[in-house]
Every structure is written in structure tokens, then in C-alpha cells.
Amino acid sequence: MLELKKNLTSNVYPGRGIIVGKTPDGKNAAVAYFIMGRSENSRNRIFEKQEGGIIIYPFDESKVADPSLIIYSPVRTIDNNLIVTNGDQTDTVYDFVKDGKAFEEALLTRCFEPDAPNFTPRISAMLTFADGDFTYKMSILKKNVGCDECDRFTFDFAAAPGRARFIHTYMGDGNPIPSFYGEPEQVETADDIDEFTKTIWESLNEQNKISLYVRYVSLADGSVQERMINKNQK
């Protein structure tokens, strides 16, 4: 299990990241989503709350060059499911689950982002709550190194106290940027949402970090705690 702070500080550019796990006391599901950016277009973003989750908007609309890959709802809820992704595939998963279909089925209809030469992977997660606990799945859709085909990987996890899984789009900075590989990394969580939020935010590269959203869901009654930090402030 990797120390979360060390994991984040050792990577100047993990890109966009999803962390899902359970607090050490076993009382809450812990979820985090962050975004980073190198270009002016990518850095011109801000998280805002919406019913059931959050949405990303441009901080300065006059500077938006291409909204197609930067404006989306990364967090949505439906029934007993919490969906977190790094793109508009959030809506794809939502629509499929609404129709009684599976997380995996939804992502079979999607592939990596068309942002050559990086071909950013699409990363996704879904938590399903039942009987005072939860299970979760994670997915990455990435370009095959040897051709233009999309490789799809899905991981199923049981929630264990104090442990989380962390998946992110990039292994570090570069040109093109190297995509994440391997299974989602195992990191630790914290009982206190403010401690968890602070650890993540302060460990992200100062120049490249943009926004962070953290959500704790009580396994006893479903109540929600939320924290949100935006580098850009209105």
C-alpha cells in the first residue's frame, strides 16, 4: 500500500485522478476526484456543485478555446450508485444504469479521448451501496500502444477499511504524455474528510493542480460530507 502523499508528490503530472475507498474506521466511503492542466485552456476550469454531484465550468468563458473535452459532469448519482469519471462518459454510464444495464456495457460504447498525440485515457469508477456497505468498479479505456484500437480494462474491488484504489490518466509529464498503466494503485484513506482533502490538495503539483472534490458517504445512513477546492476563485 502506497502512502498517498508520497504517491502524489512523486508525480508532477498525474493529470486527472479518481480515488475510491473506505475510511479506516469503516464508517464511510471516501471518494476524491481532481483535475490538473498544462495549457491555458485546461487550466481555465472550476468545479461547481450540482444536484447529486458536481459539474465543471470554464472560469473565464472568454478564454475557452475548445470546450469539448474540458466541460462535463465528473460526479453523478443514480439510485444506490455513485459515478465518477474524467469525461462525459459519466452521462453514458448514468444513462445505461438508468436503463438497467451495467457499468461495463456503457463503457463498451466509449474509447480514449481524441486529443492526439496524448490520446488521454478515459478513467471511470462506480460505487454501488447495499446493506450498509459498498463495492466498486474502476475502468480505464486507453489507446493500444501498437495501433489505434482501444484497450478496455475493468477492475472490481471489495471495500476494505483504511484502503483505497487510485487511478489517474498519466504516469508523469512528457510530450506526448505517458498514459497510466497497470492496476489502480492501493493507497490509504483517513477518517477525517478535511485531513484527506488537505493531504491530496497539498500533495498535488502547485503549478498544475486546478480543482479537487472529496465526498464521504456514511454507510450507516447515507448522509454526505463534501469538500471542494478550486485554484481559480470567482
C-alpha atoms as a PDB file:
ATOM      1  CA  MET A   1       0.000   0.000   0.000  1.00  0.00           C
ATOM      2  CA  LEU A   2       1.444   3.335  -1.092  1.00  0.00           C
ATOM      3  CA  GLU A   3       1.462   6.420   1.082  1.00  0.00           C
ATOM      4  CA  LEU A   4      -0.937   8.787  -0.679  1.00  0.00           C
ATOM      5  CA  LYS A   5       1.183  11.886  -0.097  1.00  0.00           C
ATOM      6  CA  LYS A   6       4.330  10.215  -1.413  1.00  0.00           C
ATOM      7  CA  ASN A   7       2.429   8.852  -4.412  1.00  0.00           C
ATOM      8  CA  LEU A   8       1.155  12.298  -5.396  1.00  0.00           C
ATOM      9  CA  THR A   9       4.281  14.325  -4.686  1.00  0.00           C
ATOM     10  CA  SER A  10       6.403  11.934  -6.742  1.00  0.00           C
ATOM     11  CA  ASN A  11       4.350  12.612  -9.884  1.00  0.00           C
ATOM     12  CA  VAL A  12       4.438  16.164 -11.225  1.00  0.00           C
ATOM     13  CA  TYR A  13       1.583  15.452 -13.606  1.00  0.00           C
ATOM     14  CA  PRO A  14      -0.855  12.602 -12.840  1.00  0.00           C
ATOM     15  CA  GLY A  15      -3.436  14.563 -14.866  1.00  0.00           C
ATOM     16  CA  ARG A  16      -6.932  13.704 -13.682  1.00  0.00           C
ATOM     17  CA  GLY A  17      -7.355  11.258 -10.821  1.00  0.00           C
ATOM     18  CA  ILE A  18     -10.016   9.186  -9.069  1.00  0.00           C
ATOM     19  CA  ILE A  19      -9.591   7.761  -5.565  1.00  0.00           C
ATOM     20  CA  VAL A  20     -12.183   5.385  -4.070  1.00  0.00           C
ATOM     21  CA  GLY A  21     -12.001   3.557  -0.753  1.00  0.00           C
ATOM     22  CA  LYS A  22     -13.260   3.193   2.800  1.00  0.00           C
ATOM     23  CA  THR A  23     -12.220   5.176   5.865  1.00  0.00           C
ATOM     24  CA  PRO A  24     -10.098   3.342   8.491  1.00  0.00           C
ATOM     25  CA  ASP A  25     -12.999   3.259  10.951  1.00  0.00           C
ATOM     26  CA  GLY A  26     -15.160   1.555   8.319  1.00  0.00           C
ATOM     27  CA  LYS A  27     -17.900   4.164   8.630  1.00  0.00           C
ATOM     28  CA  ASN A  28     -17.654   5.991   5.313  1.00  0.00           C
ATOM     29  CA  ALA A  29     -16.995   5.537   1.645  1.00  0.00           C
ATOM     30  CA  ALA A  30     -14.290   8.015   0.629  1.00  0.00           C
ATOM     31  CA  VAL A  31     -14.194   9.381  -2.917  1.00  0.00           C
ATOM     32  CA  ALA A  32     -11.977  12.032  -4.480  1.00  0.00           C
ATOM     33  CA  TYR A  33     -11.664  13.476  -7.958  1.00  0.00           C
ATOM     34  CA  PHE A  34      -9.076  16.029  -9.062  1.00  0.00           C
ATOM     35  CA  ILE A  35      -8.078  17.726 -12.286  1.00  0.00           C
ATOM     36  CA  MET A  36      -4.796  19.245 -13.408  1.00  0.00           C
ATOM     37  CA  GLY A  37      -3.765  21.118 -16.542  1.00  0.00           C
ATOM     38  CA  ARG A  38      -0.765  22.348 -18.514  1.00  0.00           C
ATOM     39  CA  SER A  39      -2.428  24.503 -21.184  1.00  0.00           C
ATOM     40  CA  GLU A  40      -4.340  27.752 -20.674  1.00  0.00           C
ATOM     41  CA  ASN A  41      -7.496  26.006 -21.923  1.00  0.00           C
ATOM     42  CA  SER A  42      -7.134  23.174 -19.403  1.00  0.00           C
ATOM     43  CA  ARG A  43      -6.328  25.485 -16.503  1.00  0.00           C
ATOM     44  CA  ASN A  44      -9.339  27.681 -17.193  1.00  0.00           C
ATOM     45  CA  ARG A  45     -11.737  25.499 -15.208  1.00  0.00           C
ATOM     46  CA  ILE A  46     -13.649  25.447 -11.961  1.00  0.00           C
ATOM     47  CA  PHE A  47     -15.783  22.895 -10.097  1.00  0.00           C
ATOM     48  CA  GLU A  48     -19.330  23.827  -9.156  1.00  0.00           C
ATOM     49  CA  LYS A  49     -21.853  21.790  -7.207  1.00  0.00           C
ATOM     50  CA  GLN A  50     -24.981  20.458  -8.854  1.00  0.00           C
ATOM     51  CA  GLU A  51     -27.693  18.130  -7.583  1.00  0.00           C
ATOM     52  CA  GLY A  52     -26.167  14.726  -6.947  1.00  0.00           C
ATOM     53  CA  GLY A  53     -22.605  15.751  -7.738  1.00  0.00           C
ATOM     54  CA  ILE A  54     -20.524  18.406  -9.471  1.00  0.00           C
ATOM     55  CA  ILE A  55     -20.011  19.946 -12.903  1.00  0.00           C
ATOM     56  CA  ILE A  56     -17.007  21.645 -14.475  1.00  0.00           C
ATOM     57  CA  TYR A  57     -17.382  25.108 -15.964  1.00  0.00           C
ATOM     58  CA  PRO A  58     -14.886  27.495 -17.569  1.00  0.00           C
ATOM     59  CA  PHE A  59     -13.528  30.014 -15.083  1.00  0.00           C
ATOM     60  CA  ASP A  60     -13.265  32.682 -17.790  1.00  0.00           C
ATOM     61  CA  GLU A  61     -15.658  31.931 -20.659  1.00  0.00           C
ATOM     62  CA  SER A  62     -13.888  34.407 -22.948  1.00  0.00           C
ATOM     63  CA  LYS A  63     -10.772  32.203 -22.912  1.00  0.00           C
ATOM     64  CA  VAL A  64     -12.438  28.908 -23.856  1.00  0.00           C
ATOM     65  CA  ALA A  65     -10.729  27.511 -26.953  1.00  0.00           C
ATOM     66  CA  ASP A  66     -12.296  24.023 -27.085  1.00  0.00           C
ATOM     67  CA  PRO A  67     -14.970  23.052 -24.529  1.00  0.00           C
ATOM     68  CA  SER A  68     -15.492  19.502 -25.840  1.00  0.00           C
ATOM     69  CA  LEU A  69     -13.061  17.713 -23.512  1.00  0.00           C
ATOM     70  CA  ILE A  70     -12.939  20.042 -20.519  1.00  0.00           C
ATOM     71  CA  ILE A  71     -16.611  20.766 -19.698  1.00  0.00           C
ATOM     72  CA  TYR A  72     -18.503  17.789 -18.212  1.00  0.00           C
ATOM     73  CA  SER A  73     -20.100  16.386 -15.050  1.00  0.00           C
ATOM     74  CA  PRO A  74     -17.489  14.206 -13.337  1.00  0.00           C
ATOM     75  CA  VAL A  75     -19.722  13.110 -10.439  1.00  0.00           C
ATOM     76  CA  ARG A  76     -23.350  11.979 -10.630  1.00  0.00           C
ATOM     77  CA  THR A  77     -25.628   9.752  -8.562  1.00  0.00           C
ATOM     78  CA  ILE A  78     -28.423   7.411  -9.602  1.00  0.00           C
ATOM     79  CA  ASP A  79     -30.345   5.150  -7.245  1.00  0.00           C
ATOM     80  CA  ASN A  80     -27.722   3.478  -4.995  1.00  0.00           C
ATOM     81  CA  ASN A  81     -24.825   4.222  -7.354  1.00  0.00           C
ATOM     82  CA  LEU A  82     -22.209   6.965  -7.357  1.00  0.00           C
ATOM     83  CA  ILE A  83     -20.475   7.544 -10.691  1.00  0.00           C
ATOM     84  CA  VAL A  84     -17.119   9.330 -11.041  1.00  0.00           C
ATOM     85  CA  THR A  85     -15.289   9.811 -14.347  1.00  0.00           C
ATOM     86  CA  ASN A  86     -12.884  12.151 -16.102  1.00  0.00           C
ATOM     87  CA  GLY A  87     -15.183  12.992 -19.007  1.00  0.00           C
ATOM     88  CA  ASP A  88     -18.665  12.970 -20.470  1.00  0.00           C
ATOM     89  CA  GLN A  89     -18.748   9.186 -20.124  1.00  0.00           C
ATOM     90  CA  THR A  90     -20.287   9.995 -16.728  1.00  0.00           C
ATOM     91  CA  ASP A  91     -23.510  10.636 -18.630  1.00  0.00           C
ATOM     92  CA  THR A  92     -23.079   7.450 -20.682  1.00  0.00           C
ATOM     93  CA  VAL A  93     -22.772   5.325 -17.530  1.00  0.00           C
ATOM     94  CA  TYR A  94     -25.694   7.188 -15.926  1.00  0.00           C
ATOM     95  CA  ASP A  95     -27.968   6.529 -18.917  1.00  0.00           C
ATOM     96  CA  PHE A  96     -27.044   2.845 -19.105  1.00  0.00           C
ATOM     97  CA  VAL A  97     -27.581   2.294 -15.360  1.00  0.00           C
ATOM     98  CA  LYS A  98     -30.901   4.126 -15.614  1.00  0.00           C
ATOM     99  CA  ASP A  99     -31.925   1.583 -18.269  1.00  0.00           C
ATOM    100  CA  GLY A 100     -30.927  -1.354 -16.066  1.00  0.00           C
ATOM    101  CA  LYS A 101     -27.647  -2.025 -17.868  1.00  0.00           C
ATOM    102  CA  ALA A 102     -24.147  -2.490 -16.495  1.00  0.00           C
ATOM    103  CA  PHE A 103     -21.190  -0.177 -15.955  1.00  0.00           C
ATOM    104  CA  GLU A 104     -19.134  -2.297 -18.353  1.00  0.00           C
ATOM    105  CA  GLU A 105     -21.794  -2.174 -21.060  1.00  0.00           C
ATOM    106  CA  ALA A 106     -21.776   1.599 -21.009  1.00  0.00           C
ATOM    107  CA  LEU A 107     -18.022   1.829 -21.426  1.00  0.00           C
ATOM    108  CA  LEU A 108     -18.004  -0.596 -24.352  1.00  0.00           C
ATOM    109  CA  THR A 109     -19.536   2.285 -26.300  1.00  0.00           C
ATOM    110  CA  ARG A 110     -16.700   4.696 -25.471  1.00  0.00           C
ATOM    111  CA  CYS A 111     -12.938   4.883 -26.024  1.00  0.00           C
ATOM    112  CA  PHE A 112      -9.946   7.112 -25.231  1.00  0.00           C
ATOM    113  CA  GLU A 113     -10.115  10.860 -25.852  1.00  0.00           C
ATOM    114  CA  PRO A 114      -9.318  12.097 -29.396  1.00  0.00           C
ATOM    115  CA  ASP A 115      -6.629  14.526 -28.212  1.00  0.00           C
ATOM    116  CA  ALA A 116      -3.657  13.403 -30.316  1.00  0.00           C
ATOM    117  CA  PRO A 117      -0.796  12.908 -29.627  1.00  0.00           C
ATOM    118  CA  ASN A 118      -1.676  12.227 -25.972  1.00  0.00           C
ATOM    119  CA  PHE A 119      -4.843  10.159 -26.525  1.00  0.00           C
ATOM    120  CA  THR A 120      -5.805  10.692 -22.893  1.00  0.00           C
ATOM    121  CA  PRO A 121      -7.353   7.594 -21.274  1.00  0.00           C
ATOM    122  CA  ARG A 122     -10.901   7.733 -20.025  1.00  0.00           C
ATOM    123  CA  ILE A 123     -10.951   6.683 -16.367  1.00  0.00           C
ATOM    124  CA  SER A 124     -14.169   5.845 -14.549  1.00  0.00           C
ATOM    125  CA  ALA A 125     -15.444   4.439 -11.266  1.00  0.00           C
ATOM    126  CA  MET A 126     -18.804   3.437  -9.858  1.00  0.00           C
ATOM    127  CA  LEU A 127     -19.692   2.684  -6.248  1.00  0.00           C
ATOM    128  CA  THR A 128     -22.761   0.566  -5.502  1.00  0.00           C
ATOM    129  CA  PHE A 129     -24.187   0.810  -1.993  1.00  0.00           C
ATOM    130  CA  ALA A 130     -26.178  -2.025  -0.384  1.00  0.00           C
ATOM    131  CA  ASP A 131     -26.775  -3.455   3.103  1.00  0.00           C
ATOM    132  CA  GLY A 132     -24.609  -0.929   4.917  1.00  0.00           C
ATOM    133  CA  ASP A 133     -21.573  -1.406   2.709  1.00  0.00           C
ATOM    134  CA  PHE A 134     -20.448  -0.931  -0.876  1.00  0.00           C
ATOM    135  CA  THR A 135     -18.457  -2.438  -3.704  1.00  0.00           C
ATOM    136  CA  TYR A 136     -16.850  -0.531  -6.509  1.00  0.00           C
ATOM    137  CA  LYS A 137     -15.545  -0.866 -10.026  1.00  0.00           C
ATOM    138  CA  MET A 138     -12.895   1.086 -11.871  1.00  0.00           C
ATOM    139  CA  SER A 139     -12.185   1.272 -15.569  1.00  0.00           C
ATOM    140  CA  ILE A 140      -9.602   2.676 -17.950  1.00  0.00           C
ATOM    141  CA  LEU A 141     -10.056   2.991 -21.706  1.00  0.00           C
ATOM    142  CA  LYS A 142      -6.718   3.635 -23.374  1.00  0.00           C
ATOM    143  CA  LYS A 143      -5.097   3.585 -26.773  1.00  0.00           C
ATOM    144  CA  ASN A 144      -3.222   0.436 -27.681  1.00  0.00           C
ATOM    145  CA  VAL A 145       0.475   1.272 -27.992  1.00  0.00           C
ATOM    146  CA  GLY A 146       0.843  -0.614 -31.261  1.00  0.00           C
ATOM    147  CA  CYS A 147      -2.269   0.513 -33.126  1.00  0.00           C
ATOM    148  CA  ASP A 148      -5.313   2.759 -32.985  1.00  0.00           C
ATOM    149  CA  GLU A 149      -7.538   0.254 -31.161  1.00  0.00           C
ATOM    150  CA  CYS A 150      -8.983   0.937 -27.701  1.00  0.00           C
ATOM    151  CA  ASP A 151      -7.947  -1.361 -24.846  1.00  0.00           C
ATOM    152  CA  ARG A 152     -10.550  -1.645 -22.085  1.00  0.00           C
ATOM    153  CA  PHE A 153      -9.725  -2.719 -18.532  1.00  0.00           C
ATOM    154  CA  THR A 154     -12.250  -3.075 -15.700  1.00  0.00           C
ATOM    155  CA  PHE A 155     -11.422  -3.820 -12.057  1.00  0.00           C
ATOM    156  CA  ASP A 156     -13.809  -4.958  -9.296  1.00  0.00           C
ATOM    157  CA  PHE A 157     -12.992  -4.225  -5.669  1.00  0.00           C
ATOM    158  CA  ALA A 158     -14.416  -5.023  -2.261  1.00  0.00           C
ATOM    159  CA  ALA A 159     -14.188  -2.093   0.139  1.00  0.00           C
ATOM    160  CA  ALA A 160     -11.629  -2.588   2.933  1.00  0.00           C
ATOM    161  CA  PRO A 161     -11.230  -0.200   5.902  1.00  0.00           C
ATOM    162  CA  GLY A 162      -8.373   2.276   5.502  1.00  0.00           C
ATOM    163  CA  ARG A 163      -7.657   1.325   1.918  1.00  0.00           C
ATOM    164  CA  ALA A 164      -8.458   2.918  -1.420  1.00  0.00           C
ATOM    165  CA  ARG A 165      -7.649   2.492  -5.079  1.00  0.00           C
ATOM    166  CA  PHE A 166      -6.202   5.345  -7.116  1.00  0.00           C
ATOM    167  CA  ILE A 167      -6.344   5.575 -10.902  1.00  0.00           C
ATOM    168  CA  HIS A 168      -5.107   8.549 -12.916  1.00  0.00           C
ATOM    169  CA  THR A 169      -4.680   9.452 -16.545  1.00  0.00           C
ATOM    170  CA  TYR A 170      -0.894   9.891 -16.768  1.00  0.00           C
ATOM    171  CA  MET A 171       2.247   8.357 -15.320  1.00  0.00           C
ATOM    172  CA  GLY A 172       4.012  11.737 -15.401  1.00  0.00           C
ATOM    173  CA  ASP A 173       4.770  14.699 -17.625  1.00  0.00           C
ATOM    174  CA  GLY A 174       6.072  14.342 -21.173  1.00  0.00           C
ATOM    175  CA  ASN A 175       5.377  15.010 -24.819  1.00  0.00           C
ATOM    176  CA  PRO A 176       3.342  13.016 -25.567  1.00  0.00           C
ATOM    177  CA  ILE A 177       2.221  12.401 -22.006  1.00  0.00           C
ATOM    178  CA  PRO A 178       2.631   8.742 -20.957  1.00  0.00           C
ATOM    179  CA  SER A 179      -0.702   7.055 -20.146  1.00  0.00           C
ATOM    180  CA  PHE A 180      -1.416   5.295 -16.860  1.00  0.00           C
ATOM    181  CA  TYR A 181      -0.671   1.577 -16.909  1.00  0.00           C
ATOM    182  CA  GLY A 182      -1.177  -1.340 -14.550  1.00  0.00           C
ATOM    183  CA  GLU A 183      -3.925  -1.841 -11.991  1.00  0.00           C
ATOM    184  CA  PRO A 184      -5.256   1.024  -9.831  1.00  0.00           C
ATOM    185  CA  GLU A 185      -2.736   1.793  -7.105  1.00  0.00           C
ATOM    186  CA  GLN A 186      -3.559   0.970  -3.490  1.00  0.00           C
ATOM    187  CA  VAL A 187      -3.330   3.951  -1.137  1.00  0.00           C
ATOM    188  CA  GLU A 188      -4.543   4.825   2.337  1.00  0.00           C
ATOM    189  CA  THR A 189      -7.527   6.910   3.411  1.00  0.00           C
ATOM    190  CA  ALA A 190      -8.318   8.964   6.535  1.00  0.00           C
ATOM    191  CA  ASP A 191     -11.271   9.064   8.934  1.00  0.00           C
ATOM    192  CA  ASP A 192     -11.422  12.852   8.759  1.00  0.00           C
ATOM    193  CA  ILE A 193     -12.560  14.321   5.441  1.00  0.00           C
ATOM    194  CA  ASP A 194     -10.621  17.532   5.997  1.00  0.00           C
ATOM    195  CA  GLU A 195      -7.401  15.633   6.612  1.00  0.00           C
ATOM    196  CA  PHE A 196      -7.957  13.547   3.481  1.00  0.00           C
ATOM    197  CA  THR A 197      -8.750  16.652   1.403  1.00  0.00           C
ATOM    198  CA  LYS A 198      -5.721  18.531   2.703  1.00  0.00           C
ATOM    199  CA  THR A 199      -3.365  15.618   2.017  1.00  0.00           C
ATOM    200  CA  ILE A 200      -4.489  15.355  -1.589  1.00  0.00           C
ATOM    201  CA  TRP A 201      -4.562  19.069  -2.369  1.00  0.00           C
ATOM    202  CA  GLU A 202      -1.245  19.934  -0.757  1.00  0.00           C
ATOM    203  CA  SER A 203       0.453  16.948  -2.419  1.00  0.00           C
ATOM    204  CA  LEU A 204      -0.574  17.866  -5.964  1.00  0.00           C
ATOM    205  CA  ASN A 205       1.909  19.873  -8.025  1.00  0.00           C
ATOM    206  CA  GLU A 206       1.282  23.548  -7.271  1.00  0.00           C
ATOM    207  CA  GLN A 207       1.706  24.747 -10.840  1.00  0.00           C
ATOM    208  CA  ASN A 208      -0.514  22.128 -12.462  1.00  0.00           C
ATOM    209  CA  LYS A 209      -3.341  21.484  -9.987  1.00  0.00           C
ATOM    210  CA  ILE A 210      -6.719  23.071 -10.711  1.00  0.00           C
ATOM    211  CA  SER A 211      -9.593  21.626  -8.660  1.00  0.00           C
ATOM    212  CA  LEU A 212     -10.403  18.901  -6.134  1.00  0.00           C
ATOM    213  CA  TYR A 213     -13.685  17.384  -4.956  1.00  0.00           C
ATOM    214  CA  VAL A 214     -13.950  14.985  -1.991  1.00  0.00           C
ATOM    215  CA  ARG A 215     -17.088  13.159  -0.908  1.00  0.00           C
ATOM    216  CA  TYR A 216     -17.637  10.984   2.187  1.00  0.00           C
ATOM    217  CA  VAL A 217     -20.797   8.854   2.265  1.00  0.00           C
ATOM    218  CA  SER A 218     -21.952   7.420   5.604  1.00  0.00           C
ATOM    219  CA  LEU A 219     -22.542   3.681   5.387  1.00  0.00           C
ATOM    220  CA  ALA A 220     -24.946   3.906   8.319  1.00  0.00           C
ATOM    221  CA  ASP A 221     -27.431   6.415   6.941  1.00  0.00           C
ATOM    222  CA  GLY A 222     -26.220   7.578   3.524  1.00  0.00           C
ATOM    223  CA  SER A 223     -25.526  11.125   4.660  1.00  0.00           C
ATOM    224  CA  VAL A 224     -22.923  13.015   2.633  1.00  0.00           C
ATOM    225  CA  GLN A 225     -19.995  15.259   3.523  1.00  0.00           C
ATOM    226  CA  GLU A 226     -18.424  17.261   0.688  1.00  0.00           C
ATOM    227  CA  ARG A 227     -15.316  19.380   0.258  1.00  0.00           C
ATOM    228  CA  MET A 228     -14.383  21.302  -2.875  1.00  0.00           C
ATOM    229  CA  ILE A 229     -11.281  23.369  -3.649  1.00  0.00           C
ATOM    230  CA  ASN A 230     -10.745  25.491  -6.752  1.00  0.00           C
ATOM    231  CA  LYS A 231      -7.436  27.145  -7.513  1.00  0.00           C
ATOM    232  CA  ASN A 232      -9.344  29.687  -9.603  1.00  0.00           C
ATOM    233  CA  GLN A 233     -11.590  31.745  -7.370  1.00  0.00           C
ATOM    234  CA  LYS A 234     -14.535  33.855  -8.510  1.00  0.00           C
END
